[in-house]
Amino acid sequence: MSTVGIRALKQNASAVVAEAVAGETVTITDRGRPVAQLTAIPASRLQSLIDLGRARVGRYDITEIPVPTSDLAVTAALLEMRNAERY
């Protein structure tokens, strides 16, 4: 984690932003006192929670679950999934 003063931030904004994009957390100070942090925006809210350890990746890939088009198809799909898990 690097630290930069407000004056240096004004003079070198592009370089400081490039550090943040590269994954560095930059602490911004005003007269030596930390006042803000600059970090890269995570790809998604879920990914940021995973990175912090507050969420984890699911066990199932939801993209493989068939998407039914009617209520009867939903029932049939659920019954098929339940039967597959039981036996």
C-alpha atoms as a PDB file:
ATOM      1  CA  MET A   1       0.000   0.000   0.000  1.00  0.00           C
ATOM      2  CA  SER A   2       1.467   3.330  -1.036  1.00  0.00           C
ATOM      3  CA  THR A   3       0.811   6.814   0.291  1.00  0.00           C
ATOM      4  CA  VAL A   4       0.570  10.035  -1.686  1.00  0.00           C
ATOM      5  CA  GLY A   5      -0.162  13.594  -0.629  1.00  0.00           C
ATOM      6  CA  ILE A   6      -2.836  15.714  -2.252  1.00  0.00           C
ATOM      7  CA  ARG A   7      -0.277  17.959  -3.994  1.00  0.00           C
ATOM      8  CA  ALA A   8       1.555  14.931  -5.447  1.00  0.00           C
ATOM      9  CA  LEU A   9      -1.795  13.462  -6.466  1.00  0.00           C
ATOM     10  CA  LYS A  10      -2.655  16.631  -8.403  1.00  0.00           C
ATOM     11  CA  GLN A  11       0.709  16.575 -10.184  1.00  0.00           C
ATOM     12  CA  ASN A  12       0.809  12.818 -10.911  1.00  0.00           C
ATOM     13  CA  ALA A  13      -2.854  11.788 -11.097  1.00  0.00           C
ATOM     14  CA  SER A  14      -2.387   9.459 -14.079  1.00  0.00           C
ATOM     15  CA  ALA A  15       0.474   7.581 -12.441  1.00  0.00           C
ATOM     16  CA  VAL A  16      -1.420   7.221  -9.149  1.00  0.00           C
ATOM     17  CA  VAL A  17      -4.520   5.951 -10.947  1.00  0.00           C
ATOM     18  CA  ALA A  18      -2.343   3.487 -12.883  1.00  0.00           C
ATOM     19  CA  GLU A  19      -1.033   2.138  -9.556  1.00  0.00           C
ATOM     20  CA  ALA A  20      -4.602   1.638  -8.348  1.00  0.00           C
ATOM     21  CA  VAL A  21      -5.597  -0.104 -11.576  1.00  0.00           C
ATOM     22  CA  ALA A  22      -2.618  -2.442 -11.137  1.00  0.00           C
ATOM     23  CA  GLY A  23      -4.095  -3.570  -7.817  1.00  0.00           C
ATOM     24  CA  GLU A  24      -2.305  -1.261  -5.420  1.00  0.00           C
ATOM     25  CA  THR A  25      -4.282   0.510  -2.688  1.00  0.00           C
ATOM     26  CA  VAL A  26      -3.172   4.144  -2.552  1.00  0.00           C
ATOM     27  CA  THR A  27      -3.759   6.132   0.634  1.00  0.00           C
ATOM     28  CA  ILE A  28      -4.235   9.852   0.038  1.00  0.00           C
ATOM     29  CA  THR A  29      -3.062  12.186   2.786  1.00  0.00           C
ATOM     30  CA  ASP A  30      -3.767  15.815   3.643  1.00  0.00           C
ATOM     31  CA  ARG A  31      -0.902  17.345   5.597  1.00  0.00           C
ATOM     32  CA  GLY A  32       0.291  13.884   6.582  1.00  0.00           C
ATOM     33  CA  ARG A  33      -3.125  12.692   7.792  1.00  0.00           C
ATOM     34  CA  PRO A  34      -4.787   9.860   5.808  1.00  0.00           C
ATOM     35  CA  VAL A  35      -8.087  11.081   4.372  1.00  0.00           C
ATOM     36  CA  ALA A  36      -8.981   8.674   1.527  1.00  0.00           C
ATOM     37  CA  GLN A  37      -8.055   5.465  -0.243  1.00  0.00           C
ATOM     38  CA  LEU A  38      -7.942   4.864  -3.975  1.00  0.00           C
ATOM     39  CA  THR A  39      -8.463   1.308  -5.221  1.00  0.00           C
ATOM     40  CA  ALA A  40      -9.454  -0.342  -8.466  1.00  0.00           C
ATOM     41  CA  ILE A  41     -13.131  -1.110  -8.976  1.00  0.00           C
ATOM     42  CA  PRO A  42     -13.622  -4.887  -8.813  1.00  0.00           C
ATOM     43  CA  ALA A  43     -15.088  -6.712 -11.794  1.00  0.00           C
ATOM     44  CA  SER A  44     -18.241  -7.434  -9.814  1.00  0.00           C
ATOM     45  CA  ARG A  45     -19.647  -7.053  -6.327  1.00  0.00           C
ATOM     46  CA  LEU A  46     -19.566 -10.829  -5.907  1.00  0.00           C
ATOM     47  CA  GLN A  47     -15.899 -10.970  -6.866  1.00  0.00           C
ATOM     48  CA  SER A  48     -15.044  -8.287  -4.308  1.00  0.00           C
ATOM     49  CA  LEU A  49     -16.862 -10.256  -1.592  1.00  0.00           C
ATOM     50  CA  ILE A  50     -14.992 -13.411  -2.613  1.00  0.00           C
ATOM     51  CA  ASP A  51     -11.680 -11.522  -2.469  1.00  0.00           C
ATOM     52  CA  LEU A  52     -12.524 -10.290   1.041  1.00  0.00           C
ATOM     53  CA  GLY A  53     -13.454 -13.795   2.158  1.00  0.00           C
ATOM     54  CA  ARG A  54     -17.067 -12.855   2.855  1.00  0.00           C
ATOM     55  CA  ALA A  55     -18.459 -15.069   0.070  1.00  0.00           C
ATOM     56  CA  ARG A  56     -17.322 -18.201  -1.707  1.00  0.00           C
ATOM     57  CA  VAL A  57     -17.823 -19.735  -5.092  1.00  0.00           C
ATOM     58  CA  GLY A  58     -20.841 -22.028  -5.336  1.00  0.00           C
ATOM     59  CA  ARG A  59     -20.566 -25.771  -5.795  1.00  0.00           C
ATOM     60  CA  TYR A  60     -22.861 -25.914  -8.802  1.00  0.00           C
ATOM     61  CA  ASP A  61     -22.581 -24.262 -12.165  1.00  0.00           C
ATOM     62  CA  ILE A  62     -25.976 -22.631 -12.656  1.00  0.00           C
ATOM     63  CA  THR A  63     -25.368 -22.228 -16.368  1.00  0.00           C
ATOM     64  CA  GLU A  64     -25.853 -26.002 -16.769  1.00  0.00           C
ATOM     65  CA  ILE A  65     -29.370 -25.979 -15.301  1.00  0.00           C
ATOM     66  CA  PRO A  66     -31.987 -26.150 -18.066  1.00  0.00           C
ATOM     67  CA  VAL A  67     -34.364 -23.206 -18.264  1.00  0.00           C
ATOM     68  CA  PRO A  68     -37.946 -24.445 -18.716  1.00  0.00           C
ATOM     69  CA  THR A  69     -40.400 -22.449 -20.790  1.00  0.00           C
ATOM     70  CA  SER A  70     -43.672 -23.459 -19.093  1.00  0.00           C
ATOM     71  CA  ASP A  71     -44.951 -24.389 -15.622  1.00  0.00           C
ATOM     72  CA  LEU A  72     -45.216 -28.068 -16.552  1.00  0.00           C
ATOM     73  CA  ALA A  73     -41.640 -28.037 -17.791  1.00  0.00           C
ATOM     74  CA  VAL A  74     -40.547 -26.530 -14.456  1.00  0.00           C
ATOM     75  CA  THR A  75     -42.204 -29.365 -12.562  1.00  0.00           C
ATOM     76  CA  ALA A  76     -40.669 -31.982 -14.833  1.00  0.00           C
ATOM     77  CA  ALA A  77     -37.217 -30.421 -14.530  1.00  0.00           C
ATOM     78  CA  LEU A  78     -37.454 -30.312 -10.720  1.00  0.00           C
ATOM     79  CA  LEU A  79     -38.594 -33.926 -10.528  1.00  0.00           C
ATOM     80  CA  GLU A  80     -35.740 -34.984 -12.786  1.00  0.00           C
ATOM     81  CA  MET A  81     -33.182 -33.093 -10.658  1.00  0.00           C
ATOM     82  CA  ARG A  82     -34.564 -34.541  -7.406  1.00  0.00           C
ATOM     83  CA  ASN A  83     -34.577 -38.096  -8.770  1.00  0.00           C
ATOM     84  CA  ALA A  84     -30.992 -37.693  -9.970  1.00  0.00           C
ATOM     85  CA  GLU A  85     -29.866 -36.563  -6.506  1.00  0.00           C
ATOM     86  CA  ARG A  86     -31.632 -39.369  -4.657  1.00  0.00           C
ATOM     87  CA  TYR A  87     -30.228 -42.318  -6.578  1.00  0.00           C
END
